[in-house]
Amino acid sequence: MSDRLSTELPDRLTLDNPHDRGAVASPLPVVVQRVMIGLFVAGFVLSGVYAATEHWRRATFTLGTALLWLTVMRLTCDSKVIGLVAVRSRRFDALFTTALGAAMLWLSWSVDALGS
């Protein structure tokens, strides 16, 4: 027996999202899926920059748009590619990010600009 820890998983144990077992693989190439991730991260970071510079309406609009983009990603990308974004089933994640994104967009549109 070796002193080192084994990095192999026991039989039938996997790190895949259990909610996506048996799901059809994405028809998009992995490169396209990674570009989609990059666009999401760019939108997320940009919303943080807007928030840090006190442009809250732009920040909420950008974050809402990024969350709606995340919905598209969750429905079209493989769970192994998007990693931690795939929390629950595709349906739940898509509904959750759509609701949050729509709420953020509504918030950015509905609240008065307060003179800006």
C-alpha atoms as a PDB file:
ATOM      1  CA  MET A   1       0.000   0.000   0.000  1.00  0.00           C
ATOM      2  CA  SER A   2       1.269   3.436  -0.947  1.00  0.00           C
ATOM      3  CA  ASP A   3       1.769   6.312   1.488  1.00  0.00           C
ATOM      4  CA  ARG A   4       0.357   8.800  -0.996  1.00  0.00           C
ATOM      5  CA  LEU A   5      -3.340   9.507  -1.244  1.00  0.00           C
ATOM      6  CA  SER A   6      -5.068   8.021  -4.223  1.00  0.00           C
ATOM      7  CA  THR A   7      -6.488  10.565  -6.680  1.00  0.00           C
ATOM      8  CA  GLU A   8      -8.783   8.069  -8.352  1.00  0.00           C
ATOM      9  CA  LEU A   9     -12.455   7.918  -7.480  1.00  0.00           C
ATOM     10  CA  PRO A  10     -14.112   4.646  -6.497  1.00  0.00           C
ATOM     11  CA  ASP A  11     -16.211   2.849  -9.101  1.00  0.00           C
ATOM     12  CA  ARG A  12     -19.402   4.635 -10.216  1.00  0.00           C
ATOM     13  CA  LEU A  13     -18.472   7.798  -8.296  1.00  0.00           C
ATOM     14  CA  THR A  14     -18.112  10.876 -10.468  1.00  0.00           C
ATOM     15  CA  LEU A  15     -17.609  14.602 -10.100  1.00  0.00           C
ATOM     16  CA  ASP A  16     -20.174  15.330 -12.832  1.00  0.00           C
ATOM     17  CA  ASN A  17     -23.278  17.325 -11.980  1.00  0.00           C
ATOM     18  CA  PRO A  18     -25.751  14.622 -10.887  1.00  0.00           C
ATOM     19  CA  HIS A  19     -28.628  16.649 -12.337  1.00  0.00           C
ATOM     20  CA  ASP A  20     -27.100  16.512 -15.808  1.00  0.00           C
ATOM     21  CA  ARG A  21     -26.313  12.822 -16.031  1.00  0.00           C
ATOM     22  CA  GLY A  22     -27.524  11.526 -19.342  1.00  0.00           C
ATOM     23  CA  ALA A  23     -27.947  15.019 -20.811  1.00  0.00           C
ATOM     24  CA  VAL A  24     -27.163  15.424 -24.478  1.00  0.00           C
ATOM     25  CA  ALA A  25     -23.775  16.996 -25.163  1.00  0.00           C
ATOM     26  CA  SER A  26     -23.699  20.526 -26.504  1.00  0.00           C
ATOM     27  CA  PRO A  27     -23.421  20.828 -30.296  1.00  0.00           C
ATOM     28  CA  LEU A  28     -21.187  23.890 -29.805  1.00  0.00           C
ATOM     29  CA  PRO A  29     -17.420  23.402 -29.957  1.00  0.00           C
ATOM     30  CA  VAL A  30     -15.618  23.790 -26.636  1.00  0.00           C
ATOM     31  CA  VAL A  31     -13.834  26.901 -27.950  1.00  0.00           C
ATOM     32  CA  VAL A  32     -17.174  28.631 -28.581  1.00  0.00           C
ATOM     33  CA  GLN A  33     -18.388  27.627 -25.126  1.00  0.00           C
ATOM     34  CA  ARG A  34     -15.264  29.132 -23.563  1.00  0.00           C
ATOM     35  CA  VAL A  35     -15.728  32.357 -25.532  1.00  0.00           C
ATOM     36  CA  MET A  36     -19.265  32.511 -24.145  1.00  0.00           C
ATOM     37  CA  ILE A  37     -17.818  32.150 -20.634  1.00  0.00           C
ATOM     38  CA  GLY A  38     -15.375  34.958 -21.382  1.00  0.00           C
ATOM     39  CA  LEU A  39     -18.215  37.240 -22.459  1.00  0.00           C
ATOM     40  CA  PHE A  40     -20.103  36.480 -19.246  1.00  0.00           C
ATOM     41  CA  VAL A  41     -17.047  37.173 -17.091  1.00  0.00           C
ATOM     42  CA  ALA A  42     -16.414  40.430 -18.984  1.00  0.00           C
ATOM     43  CA  GLY A  43     -20.002  41.561 -18.357  1.00  0.00           C
ATOM     44  CA  PHE A  44     -19.792  40.589 -14.704  1.00  0.00           C
ATOM     45  CA  VAL A  45     -16.513  42.464 -14.211  1.00  0.00           C
ATOM     46  CA  LEU A  46     -17.818  45.482 -16.133  1.00  0.00           C
ATOM     47  CA  SER A  47     -20.864  45.632 -13.854  1.00  0.00           C
ATOM     48  CA  GLY A  48     -18.499  45.646 -10.875  1.00  0.00           C
ATOM     49  CA  VAL A  49     -16.495  48.492 -12.405  1.00  0.00           C
ATOM     50  CA  TYR A  50     -19.684  50.478 -12.959  1.00  0.00           C
ATOM     51  CA  ALA A  51     -20.749  49.832  -9.370  1.00  0.00           C
ATOM     52  CA  ALA A  52     -17.334  50.874  -8.039  1.00  0.00           C
ATOM     53  CA  THR A  53     -17.528  54.131  -9.985  1.00  0.00           C
ATOM     54  CA  GLU A  54     -21.039  54.789  -8.641  1.00  0.00           C
ATOM     55  CA  HIS A  55     -22.884  54.217 -11.928  1.00  0.00           C
ATOM     56  CA  TRP A  56     -25.447  51.929 -10.306  1.00  0.00           C
ATOM     57  CA  ARG A  57     -27.997  51.974 -13.147  1.00  0.00           C
ATOM     58  CA  ARG A  58     -25.355  50.903 -15.649  1.00  0.00           C
ATOM     59  CA  ALA A  59     -24.125  48.308 -13.157  1.00  0.00           C
ATOM     60  CA  THR A  60     -27.577  46.783 -12.630  1.00  0.00           C
ATOM     61  CA  PHE A  61     -28.317  46.832 -16.355  1.00  0.00           C
ATOM     62  CA  THR A  62     -24.978  45.186 -17.184  1.00  0.00           C
ATOM     63  CA  LEU A  63     -25.362  42.591 -14.437  1.00  0.00           C
ATOM     64  CA  GLY A  64     -28.926  41.815 -15.551  1.00  0.00           C
ATOM     65  CA  THR A  65     -27.748  41.393 -19.135  1.00  0.00           C
ATOM     66  CA  ALA A  66     -24.891  39.161 -17.965  1.00  0.00           C
ATOM     67  CA  LEU A  67     -27.342  36.993 -16.014  1.00  0.00           C
ATOM     68  CA  LEU A  68     -29.573  36.622 -19.068  1.00  0.00           C
ATOM     69  CA  TRP A  69     -26.468  35.675 -21.048  1.00  0.00           C
ATOM     70  CA  LEU A  70     -25.738  33.122 -18.312  1.00  0.00           C
ATOM     71  CA  THR A  71     -29.170  31.636 -18.989  1.00  0.00           C
ATOM     72  CA  VAL A  72     -28.232  31.166 -22.642  1.00  0.00           C
ATOM     73  CA  MET A  73     -24.927  29.637 -21.574  1.00  0.00           C
ATOM     74  CA  ARG A  74     -26.553  27.210 -19.159  1.00  0.00           C
ATOM     75  CA  LEU A  75     -28.962  26.011 -21.832  1.00  0.00           C
ATOM     76  CA  THR A  76     -26.330  25.614 -24.547  1.00  0.00           C
ATOM     77  CA  CYS A  77     -23.037  24.724 -22.845  1.00  0.00           C
ATOM     78  CA  ASP A  78     -21.875  21.496 -21.224  1.00  0.00           C
ATOM     79  CA  SER A  79     -21.786  21.378 -17.438  1.00  0.00           C
ATOM     80  CA  LYS A  80     -18.164  20.264 -17.483  1.00  0.00           C
ATOM     81  CA  VAL A  81     -17.205  23.380 -19.425  1.00  0.00           C
ATOM     82  CA  ILE A  82     -19.077  25.971 -17.371  1.00  0.00           C
ATOM     83  CA  GLY A  83     -18.138  24.324 -14.094  1.00  0.00           C
ATOM     84  CA  LEU A  84     -19.406  26.046 -10.953  1.00  0.00           C
ATOM     85  CA  VAL A  85     -22.181  27.836 -12.826  1.00  0.00           C
ATOM     86  CA  ALA A  86     -23.968  24.494 -13.258  1.00  0.00           C
ATOM     87  CA  VAL A  87     -25.426  24.210  -9.769  1.00  0.00           C
ATOM     88  CA  ARG A  88     -28.726  22.392 -10.205  1.00  0.00           C
ATOM     89  CA  SER A  89     -30.573  21.080 -13.230  1.00  0.00           C
ATOM     90  CA  ARG A  90     -30.436  23.076 -16.447  1.00  0.00           C
ATOM     91  CA  ARG A  91     -34.089  24.002 -16.096  1.00  0.00           C
ATOM     92  CA  PHE A  92     -33.724  25.294 -12.534  1.00  0.00           C
ATOM     93  CA  ASP A  93     -30.528  27.217 -13.274  1.00  0.00           C
ATOM     94  CA  ALA A  94     -32.051  28.757 -16.414  1.00  0.00           C
ATOM     95  CA  LEU A  95     -35.230  29.807 -14.605  1.00  0.00           C
ATOM     96  CA  PHE A  96     -33.274  31.195 -11.663  1.00  0.00           C
ATOM     97  CA  THR A  97     -30.827  33.244 -13.751  1.00  0.00           C
ATOM     98  CA  THR A  98     -33.659  34.464 -16.003  1.00  0.00           C
ATOM     99  CA  ALA A  99     -35.632  35.664 -12.995  1.00  0.00           C
ATOM    100  CA  LEU A 100     -32.609  37.401 -11.466  1.00  0.00           C
ATOM    101  CA  GLY A 101     -31.549  38.942 -14.776  1.00  0.00           C
ATOM    102  CA  ALA A 102     -35.054  40.181 -15.542  1.00  0.00           C
ATOM    103  CA  ALA A 103     -35.358  41.635 -12.029  1.00  0.00           C
ATOM    104  CA  MET A 104     -32.044  43.454 -12.429  1.00  0.00           C
ATOM    105  CA  LEU A 105     -33.053  44.838 -15.823  1.00  0.00           C
ATOM    106  CA  TRP A 106     -36.433  45.922 -14.447  1.00  0.00           C
ATOM    107  CA  LEU A 107     -34.722  47.599 -11.506  1.00  0.00           C
ATOM    108  CA  SER A 108     -32.330  49.511 -13.744  1.00  0.00           C
ATOM    109  CA  TRP A 109     -35.198  50.630 -15.965  1.00  0.00           C
ATOM    110  CA  SER A 110     -37.858  51.442 -13.384  1.00  0.00           C
ATOM    111  CA  VAL A 111     -36.048  53.455 -10.732  1.00  0.00           C
ATOM    112  CA  ASP A 112     -35.585  57.181 -11.349  1.00  0.00           C
ATOM    113  CA  ALA A 113     -32.063  58.231 -12.290  1.00  0.00           C
ATOM    114  CA  LEU A 114     -32.001  60.779  -9.448  1.00  0.00           C
ATOM    115  CA  GLY A 115     -30.642  63.550 -11.621  1.00  0.00           C
ATOM    116  CA  SER A 116     -27.963  61.620 -13.454  1.00  0.00           C
END
